[in-house]
Amino acid sequence: MLDLLVCPVSKAPLRPLGVGELAILNRAISAGQVTTVSGAAVATPLAAGLITRDGHVIYPVVDEIPVMLREASIGTIQLEGFPR
């Protein structure tokens, strides 16, 4: 099923966030340093996420359902130490 999902904006293929990537993201969320692309603060750490294969955009997965909305996506440029 994952092979069918793409970024709704760029149409880039997606892959699951790795354990290390998720840890970096959640540390930044816990520190209050993460916003969505629409500017909303991300307050709750993620249990899972999907990331574009180019490593630029993360889509949260909530209750095992990918939230594929542009407004809910997280740009990785704001994440210090995030691998690209």
PDB file of N, CA and C in Angstrom:
ATOM      1  N   MET A   1       0.818  -1.196   0.000  1.00  0.00           N
ATOM      2  CA  MET A   1       0.000   0.000   0.000  1.00  0.00           C
ATOM      3  C   MET A   1       0.866   1.266   0.000  1.00  0.00           C
ATOM      4  N   LEU A   2       1.998   1.227   0.701  1.00  0.00           N
ATOM      5  CA  LEU A   2       2.875   2.387   0.781  1.00  0.00           C
ATOM      6  C   LEU A   2       3.393   2.801  -0.593  1.00  0.00           C
ATOM      7  N   ASP A   3       3.539   1.841  -1.488  1.00  0.00           N
ATOM      8  CA  ASP A   3       4.019   2.155  -2.832  1.00  0.00           C
ATOM      9  C   ASP A   3       3.063   3.056  -3.602  1.00  0.00           C
ATOM     10  N   LEU A   4       1.808   3.106  -3.183  1.00  0.00           N
ATOM     11  CA  LEU A   4       0.804   3.928  -3.866  1.00  0.00           C
ATOM     12  C   LEU A   4       0.748   5.354  -3.342  1.00  0.00           C
ATOM     13  N   LEU A   5       1.259   5.593  -2.117  1.00  0.00           N
ATOM     14  CA  LEU A   5       1.190   6.924  -1.534  1.00  0.00           C
ATOM     15  C   LEU A   5       2.309   7.810  -2.048  1.00  0.00           C
ATOM     16  N   VAL A   6       1.946   9.037  -2.382  1.00  0.00           N
ATOM     17  CA  VAL A   6       2.909  10.049  -2.792  1.00  0.00           C
ATOM     18  C   VAL A   6       2.569  11.357  -2.100  1.00  0.00           C
ATOM     19  N   CYS A   7       3.510  12.267  -2.059  1.00  0.00           N
ATOM     20  CA  CYS A   7       3.274  13.595  -1.518  1.00  0.00           C
ATOM     21  C   CYS A   7       2.183  14.256  -2.359  1.00  0.00           C
ATOM     22  N   PRO A   8       1.129  14.780  -1.730  1.00  0.00           N
ATOM     23  CA  PRO A   8       0.055  15.388  -2.505  1.00  0.00           C
ATOM     24  C   PRO A   8       0.464  16.684  -3.208  1.00  0.00           C
ATOM     25  N   VAL A   9       1.562  17.284  -2.787  1.00  0.00           N
ATOM     26  CA  VAL A   9       2.018  18.532  -3.400  1.00  0.00           C
ATOM     27  C   VAL A   9       3.005  18.261  -4.530  1.00  0.00           C
ATOM     28  N   SER A  10       4.090  17.558  -4.207  1.00  0.00           N
ATOM     29  CA  SER A  10       5.167  17.349  -5.186  1.00  0.00           C
ATOM     30  C   SER A  10       5.033  16.044  -5.967  1.00  0.00           C
ATOM     31  N   LYS A  11       4.194  15.149  -5.486  1.00  0.00           N
ATOM     32  CA  LYS A  11       4.023  13.801  -6.066  1.00  0.00           C
ATOM     33  C   LYS A  11       5.255  12.925  -5.873  1.00  0.00           C
ATOM     34  N   ALA A  12       6.148  13.332  -4.957  1.00  0.00           N
ATOM     35  CA  ALA A  12       7.341  12.543  -4.648  1.00  0.00           C
ATOM     36  C   ALA A  12       6.942  11.276  -3.899  1.00  0.00           C
ATOM     37  N   PRO A  13       7.631  10.170  -4.137  1.00  0.00           N
ATOM     38  CA  PRO A  13       7.350   8.935  -3.405  1.00  0.00           C
ATOM     39  C   PRO A  13       7.635   9.125  -1.909  1.00  0.00           C
ATOM     40  N   LEU A  14       6.973   8.309  -1.080  1.00  0.00           N
ATOM     41  CA  LEU A  14       7.139   8.382   0.366  1.00  0.00           C
ATOM     42  C   LEU A  14       7.731   7.088   0.898  1.00  0.00           C
ATOM     43  N   ARG A  15       8.346   7.195   2.070  1.00  0.00           N
ATOM     44  CA  ARG A  15       8.844   6.026   2.796  1.00  0.00           C
ATOM     45  C   ARG A  15       8.601   6.283   4.277  1.00  0.00           C
ATOM     46  N   PRO A  16       8.598   5.227   5.093  1.00  0.00           N
ATOM     47  CA  PRO A  16       8.422   5.425   6.532  1.00  0.00           C
ATOM     48  C   PRO A  16       9.625   6.163   7.133  1.00  0.00           C
ATOM     49  N   LEU A  17       9.371   6.978   8.146  1.00  0.00           N
ATOM     50  CA  LEU A  17      10.468   7.604   8.878  1.00  0.00           C
ATOM     51  C   LEU A  17      11.277   6.524   9.578  1.00  0.00           C
ATOM     52  N   GLY A  18      12.590   6.658   9.538  1.00  0.00           N
ATOM     53  CA  GLY A  18      13.448   5.733  10.275  1.00  0.00           C
ATOM     54  C   GLY A  18      13.431   6.056  11.767  1.00  0.00           C
ATOM     55  N   VAL A  19      13.901   5.124  12.566  1.00  0.00           N
ATOM     56  CA  VAL A  19      13.922   5.295  14.021  1.00  0.00           C
ATOM     57  C   VAL A  19      14.723   6.536  14.415  1.00  0.00           C
ATOM     58  N   GLY A  20      15.895   6.715  13.831  1.00  0.00           N
ATOM     59  CA  GLY A  20      16.726   7.880  14.139  1.00  0.00           C
ATOM     60  C   GLY A  20      16.080   9.186  13.707  1.00  0.00           C
ATOM     61  N   GLU A  21      15.460   9.186  12.537  1.00  0.00           N
ATOM     62  CA  GLU A  21      14.768  10.382  12.048  1.00  0.00           C
ATOM     63  C   GLU A  21      13.608  10.753  12.969  1.00  0.00           C
ATOM     64  N   LEU A  22      12.856   9.739  13.390  1.00  0.00           N
ATOM     65  CA  LEU A  22      11.727   9.962  14.286  1.00  0.00           C
ATOM     66  C   LEU A  22      12.203  10.514  15.629  1.00  0.00           C
ATOM     67  N   ALA A  23      13.326  10.009  16.117  1.00  0.00           N
ATOM     68  CA  ALA A  23      13.879  10.486  17.385  1.00  0.00           C
ATOM     69  C   ALA A  23      14.278  11.959  17.294  1.00  0.00           C
ATOM     70  N   ILE A  24      14.934  12.360  16.198  1.00  0.00           N
ATOM     71  CA  ILE A  24      15.320  13.766  16.001  1.00  0.00           C
ATOM     72  C   ILE A  24      14.086  14.643  15.942  1.00  0.00           C
ATOM     73  N   LEU A  25      13.088  14.214  15.183  1.00  0.00           N
ATOM     74  CA  LEU A  25      11.844  14.963  15.059  1.00  0.00           C
ATOM     75  C   LEU A  25      11.166  15.118  16.419  1.00  0.00           C
ATOM     76  N   ASN A  26      11.032  14.034  17.156  1.00  0.00           N
ATOM     77  CA  ASN A  26      10.325  14.091  18.433  1.00  0.00           C
ATOM     78  C   ASN A  26      11.071  14.894  19.490  1.00  0.00           C
ATOM     79  N   ARG A  27      12.401  14.900  19.450  1.00  0.00           N
ATOM     80  CA  ARG A  27      13.163  15.777  20.365  1.00  0.00           C
ATOM     81  C   ARG A  27      12.851  17.236  20.071  1.00  0.00           C
ATOM     82  N   ALA A  28      12.806  17.581  18.793  1.00  0.00           N
ATOM     83  CA  ALA A  28      12.505  18.957  18.407  1.00  0.00           C
ATOM     84  C   ALA A  28      11.063  19.326  18.755  1.00  0.00           C
ATOM     85  N   ILE A  29      10.133  18.398  18.593  1.00  0.00           N
ATOM     86  CA  ILE A  29       8.735  18.651  18.966  1.00  0.00           C
ATOM     87  C   ILE A  29       8.652  18.882  20.472  1.00  0.00           C
ATOM     88  N   SER A  30       9.306  18.043  21.264  1.00  0.00           N
ATOM     89  CA  SER A  30       9.276  18.179  22.720  1.00  0.00           C
ATOM     90  C   SER A  30       9.886  19.507  23.173  1.00  0.00           C
ATOM     91  N   ALA A  31      10.824  20.024  22.403  1.00  0.00           N
ATOM     92  CA  ALA A  31      11.454  21.310  22.726  1.00  0.00           C
ATOM     93  C   ALA A  31      10.644  22.497  22.206  1.00  0.00           C
ATOM     94  N   GLY A  32       9.511  22.222  21.549  1.00  0.00           N
ATOM     95  CA  GLY A  32       8.664  23.293  21.033  1.00  0.00           C
ATOM     96  C   GLY A  32       9.224  23.988  19.809  1.00  0.00           C
ATOM     97  N   GLN A  33      10.016  23.272  19.024  1.00  0.00           N
ATOM     98  CA  GLN A  33      10.714  23.872  17.888  1.00  0.00           C
ATOM     99  C   GLN A  33      10.158  23.487  16.522  1.00  0.00           C
ATOM    100  N   VAL A  34       9.000  22.834  16.473  1.00  0.00           N
ATOM    101  CA  VAL A  34       8.504  22.320  15.196  1.00  0.00           C
ATOM    102  C   VAL A  34       7.145  22.923  14.874  1.00  0.00           C
ATOM    103  N   THR A  35       7.017  23.360  13.620  1.00  0.00           N
ATOM    104  CA  THR A  35       5.734  23.839  13.105  1.00  0.00           C
ATOM    105  C   THR A  35       5.413  23.105  11.813  1.00  0.00           C
ATOM    106  N   THR A  36       4.142  23.088  11.493  1.00  0.00           N
ATOM    107  CA  THR A  36       3.729  22.534  10.201  1.00  0.00           C
ATOM    108  C   THR A  36       4.055  23.560   9.126  1.00  0.00           C
ATOM    109  N   VAL A  37       3.912  23.192   7.868  1.00  0.00           N
ATOM    110  CA  VAL A  37       4.173  24.148   6.791  1.00  0.00           C
ATOM    111  C   VAL A  37       3.185  25.302   6.805  1.00  0.00           C
ATOM    112  N   SER A  38       2.038  25.119   7.467  1.00  0.00           N
ATOM    113  CA  SER A  38       1.060  26.205   7.572  1.00  0.00           C
ATOM    114  C   SER A  38       1.333  27.105   8.774  1.00  0.00           C
ATOM    115  N   GLY A  39       2.362  26.776   9.575  1.00  0.00           N
ATOM    116  CA  GLY A  39       2.749  27.622  10.698  1.00  0.00           C
ATOM    117  C   GLY A  39       2.193  27.207  12.049  1.00  0.00           C
ATOM    118  N   ALA A  40       1.419  26.140  12.120  1.00  0.00           N
ATOM    119  CA  ALA A  40       0.876  25.667  13.391  1.00  0.00           C
ATOM    120  C   ALA A  40       1.936  24.898  14.167  1.00  0.00           C
ATOM    121  N   ALA A  41       1.993  25.135  15.474  1.00  0.00           N
ATOM    122  CA  ALA A  41       2.941  24.411  16.322  1.00  0.00           C
ATOM    123  C   ALA A  41       2.554  22.936  16.393  1.00  0.00           C
ATOM    124  N   VAL A  42       3.565  22.070  16.347  1.00  0.00           N
ATOM    125  CA  VAL A  42       3.349  20.633  16.528  1.00  0.00           C
ATOM    126  C   VAL A  42       3.652  20.360  18.000  1.00  0.00           C
ATOM    127  N   ALA A  43       2.625  20.002  18.772  1.00  0.00           N
ATOM    128  CA  ALA A  43       2.774  19.864  20.217  1.00  0.00           C
ATOM    129  C   ALA A  43       2.954  18.429  20.680  1.00  0.00           C
ATOM    130  N   THR A  44       2.509  17.470  19.891  1.00  0.00           N
ATOM    131  CA  THR A  44       2.526  16.072  20.306  1.00  0.00           C
ATOM    132  C   THR A  44       3.543  15.279  19.486  1.00  0.00           C
ATOM    133  N   PRO A  45       4.473  14.587  20.166  1.00  0.00           N
ATOM    134  CA  PRO A  45       5.417  13.741  19.425  1.00  0.00           C
ATOM    135  C   PRO A  45       4.679  12.704  18.575  1.00  0.00           C
ATOM    136  N   LEU A  46       5.304  12.302  17.491  1.00  0.00           N
ATOM    137  CA  LEU A  46       4.699  11.352  16.565  1.00  0.00           C
ATOM    138  C   LEU A  46       5.115   9.924  16.895  1.00  0.00           C
ATOM    139  N   ALA A  47       4.193   8.993  16.740  1.00  0.00           N
ATOM    140  CA  ALA A  47       4.512   7.573  16.870  1.00  0.00           C
ATOM    141  C   ALA A  47       5.087   7.046  15.564  1.00  0.00           C
ATOM    142  N   ALA A  48       4.695   7.695  14.440  1.00  0.00           N
ATOM    143  CA  ALA A  48       5.163   7.276  13.119  1.00  0.00           C
ATOM    144  C   ALA A  48       4.955   8.424  12.141  1.00  0.00           C
ATOM    145  N   GLY A  49       5.630   8.319  11.016  1.00  0.00           N
ATOM    146  CA  GLY A  49       5.472   9.325   9.976  1.00  0.00           C
ATOM    147  C   GLY A  49       5.959   8.789   8.652  1.00  0.00           C
ATOM    148  N   LEU A  50       5.572   9.477   7.604  1.00  0.00           N
ATOM    149  CA  LEU A  50       6.055   9.185   6.256  1.00  0.00           C
ATOM    150  C   LEU A  50       6.848  10.391   5.794  1.00  0.00           C
ATOM    151  N   ILE A  51       7.905  10.155   5.051  1.00  0.00           N
ATOM    152  CA  ILE A  51       8.753  11.229   4.570  1.00  0.00           C
ATOM    153  C   ILE A  51       8.960  11.063   3.070  1.00  0.00           C
ATOM    154  N   THR A  52       9.026  12.186   2.369  1.00  0.00           N
ATOM    155  CA  THR A  52       9.316  12.108   0.940  1.00  0.00           C
ATOM    156  C   THR A  52      10.717  11.523   0.780  1.00  0.00           C
ATOM    157  N   ARG A  53      10.926  10.810  -0.286  1.00  0.00           N
ATOM    158  CA  ARG A  53      12.232  10.149  -0.479  1.00  0.00           C
ATOM    159  C   ARG A  53      13.379  11.138  -0.619  1.00  0.00           C
ATOM    160  N   ASP A  54      13.055  12.398  -0.967  1.00  0.00           N
ATOM    161  CA  ASP A  54      14.117  13.404  -1.010  1.00  0.00           C
ATOM    162  C   ASP A  54      14.410  13.976   0.374  1.00  0.00           C
ATOM    163  N   GLY A  55      13.625  13.564   1.388  1.00  0.00           N
ATOM    164  CA  GLY A  55      13.885  13.957   2.766  1.00  0.00           C
ATOM    165  C   GLY A  55      13.433  15.343   3.150  1.00  0.00           C
ATOM    166  N   HIS A  56      12.564  15.969   2.378  1.00  0.00           N
ATOM    167  CA  HIS A  56      12.186  17.356   2.637  1.00  0.00           C
ATOM    168  C   HIS A  56      10.898  17.535   3.417  1.00  0.00           C
ATOM    169  N   VAL A  57       9.955  16.604   3.314  1.00  0.00           N
ATOM    170  CA  VAL A  57       8.632  16.794   3.923  1.00  0.00           C
ATOM    171  C   VAL A  57       8.198  15.530   4.651  1.00  0.00           C
ATOM    172  N   ILE A  58       7.675  15.731   5.877  1.00  0.00           N
ATOM    173  CA  ILE A  58       7.164  14.632   6.700  1.00  0.00           C
ATOM    174  C   ILE A  58       5.655  14.770   6.826  1.00  0.00           C
ATOM    175  N   TYR A  59       4.968  13.649   6.689  1.00  0.00           N
ATOM    176  CA  TYR A  59       3.522  13.588   6.935  1.00  0.00           C
ATOM    177  C   TYR A  59       3.308  12.716   8.161  1.00  0.00           C
ATOM    178  N   PRO A  60       2.587  13.211   9.174  1.00  0.00           N
ATOM    179  CA  PRO A  60       2.360  12.399  10.368  1.00  0.00           C
ATOM    180  C   PRO A  60       1.447  11.217  10.086  1.00  0.00           C
ATOM    181  N   VAL A  61       1.621  10.178  10.868  1.00  0.00           N
ATOM    182  CA  VAL A  61       0.727   9.028  10.852  1.00  0.00           C
ATOM    183  C   VAL A  61       0.062   9.004  12.223  1.00  0.00           C
ATOM    184  N   VAL A  62      -1.257   9.138  12.258  1.00  0.00           N
ATOM    185  CA  VAL A  62      -2.017   9.195  13.505  1.00  0.00           C
ATOM    186  C   VAL A  62      -2.948   7.987  13.552  1.00  0.00           C
ATOM    187  N   ASP A  63      -2.840   7.212  14.624  1.00  0.00           N
ATOM    188  CA  ASP A  63      -3.643   5.991  14.757  1.00  0.00           C
ATOM    189  C   ASP A  63      -3.530   5.110  13.518  1.00  0.00           C
ATOM    190  N   GLU A  64      -2.306   4.996  13.012  1.00  0.00           N
ATOM    191  CA  GLU A  64      -1.960   4.169  11.853  1.00  0.00           C
ATOM    192  C   GLU A  64      -2.557   4.671  10.535  1.00  0.00           C
ATOM    193  N   ILE A  65      -3.021   5.933  10.527  1.00  0.00           N
ATOM    194  CA  ILE A  65      -3.585   6.526   9.309  1.00  0.00           C
ATOM    195  C   ILE A  65      -2.712   7.709   8.886  1.00  0.00           C
ATOM    196  N   PRO A  66      -2.125   7.675   7.684  1.00  0.00           N
ATOM    197  CA  PRO A  66      -1.333   8.810   7.215  1.00  0.00           C
ATOM    198  C   PRO A  66      -2.213  10.053   7.030  1.00  0.00           C
ATOM    199  N   VAL A  67      -1.738  11.167   7.563  1.00  0.00           N
ATOM    200  CA  VAL A  67      -2.444  12.441   7.400  1.00  0.00           C
ATOM    201  C   VAL A  67      -1.784  13.149   6.213  1.00  0.00           C
ATOM    202  N   MET A  68      -2.377  12.988   5.048  1.00  0.00           N
ATOM    203  CA  MET A  68      -1.783  13.461   3.807  1.00  0.00           C
ATOM    204  C   MET A  68      -2.309  14.847   3.408  1.00  0.00           C
ATOM    205  N   LEU A  69      -2.342  15.748   4.356  1.00  0.00           N
ATOM    206  CA  LEU A  69      -2.778  17.116   4.104  1.00  0.00           C
ATOM    207  C   LEU A  69      -1.563  18.029   4.091  1.00  0.00           C
ATOM    208  N   ARG A  70      -1.488  18.903   3.113  1.00  0.00           N
ATOM    209  CA  ARG A  70      -0.377  19.850   3.027  1.00  0.00           C
ATOM    210  C   ARG A  70      -0.236  20.621   4.330  1.00  0.00           C
ATOM    211  N   GLU A  71      -1.352  21.054   4.899  1.00  0.00           N
ATOM    212  CA  GLU A  71      -1.344  21.868   6.112  1.00  0.00           C
ATOM    213  C   GLU A  71      -0.771  21.127   7.322  1.00  0.00           C
ATOM    214  N   ALA A  72      -0.814  19.805   7.305  1.00  0.00           N
ATOM    215  CA  ALA A  72      -0.320  19.007   8.424  1.00  0.00           C
ATOM    216  C   ALA A  72       1.129  18.566   8.233  1.00  0.00           C
ATOM    217  N   SER A  73       1.694  18.815   7.074  1.00  0.00           N
ATOM    218  CA  SER A  73       3.052  18.349   6.794  1.00  0.00           C
ATOM    219  C   SER A  73       4.082  19.194   7.534  1.00  0.00           C
ATOM    220  N   ILE A  74       5.256  18.597   7.715  1.00  0.00           N
ATOM    221  CA  ILE A  74       6.348  19.225   8.458  1.00  0.00           C
ATOM    222  C   ILE A  74       7.565  19.288   7.548  1.00  0.00           C
ATOM    223  N   GLY A  75       8.085  20.475   7.340  1.00  0.00           N
ATOM    224  CA  GLY A  75       9.310  20.634   6.557  1.00  0.00           C
ATOM    225  C   GLY A  75      10.518  20.269   7.395  1.00  0.00           C
ATOM    226  N   THR A  76      11.442  19.502   6.846  1.00  0.00           N
ATOM    227  CA  THR A  76      12.596  19.041   7.617  1.00  0.00           C
ATOM    228  C   THR A  76      13.701  20.081   7.729  1.00  0.00           C
ATOM    229  N   ILE A  77      13.636  21.154   6.963  1.00  0.00           N
ATOM    230  CA  ILE A  77      14.686  22.170   7.024  1.00  0.00           C
ATOM    231  C   ILE A  77      14.788  22.788   8.411  1.00  0.00           C
ATOM    232  N   GLN A  78      13.699  22.762   9.172  1.00  0.00           N
ATOM    233  CA  GLN A  78      13.685  23.339  10.514  1.00  0.00           C
ATOM    234  C   GLN A  78      14.283  22.413  11.567  1.00  0.00           C
ATOM    235  N   LEU A  79      14.620  21.187  11.201  1.00  0.00           N
ATOM    236  CA  LEU A  79      15.110  20.178  12.154  1.00  0.00           C
ATOM    237  C   LEU A  79      16.625  20.111  12.125  1.00  0.00           C
ATOM    238  N   GLU A  80      17.248  20.642  13.160  1.00  0.00           N
ATOM    239  CA  GLU A  80      18.700  20.642  13.245  1.00  0.00           C
ATOM    240  C   GLU A  80      19.222  19.213  13.378  1.00  0.00           C
ATOM    241  N   GLY A  81      20.185  18.875  12.565  1.00  0.00           N
ATOM    242  CA  GLY A  81      20.783  17.547  12.598  1.00  0.00           C
ATOM    243  C   GLY A  81      20.008  16.478  11.865  1.00  0.00           C
ATOM    244  N   PHE A  82      18.944  16.891  11.165  1.00  0.00           N
ATOM    245  CA  PHE A  82      18.140  15.898  10.431  1.00  0.00           C
ATOM    246  C   PHE A  82      18.870  15.508   9.156  1.00  0.00           C
ATOM    247  N   PRO A  83      19.040  14.207   8.915  1.00  0.00           N
ATOM    248  CA  PRO A  83      19.754  13.773   7.697  1.00  0.00           C
ATOM    249  C   PRO A  83      18.948  14.082   6.430  1.00  0.00           C
ATOM    250  N   ARG A  84      19.640  14.548   5.412  1.00  0.00           N
ATOM    251  CA  ARG A  84      19.000  14.817   4.121  1.00  0.00           C
ATOM    252  C   ARG A  84      19.791  14.166   3.023  1.00  0.00           C
TER     253      ARG A  84
END
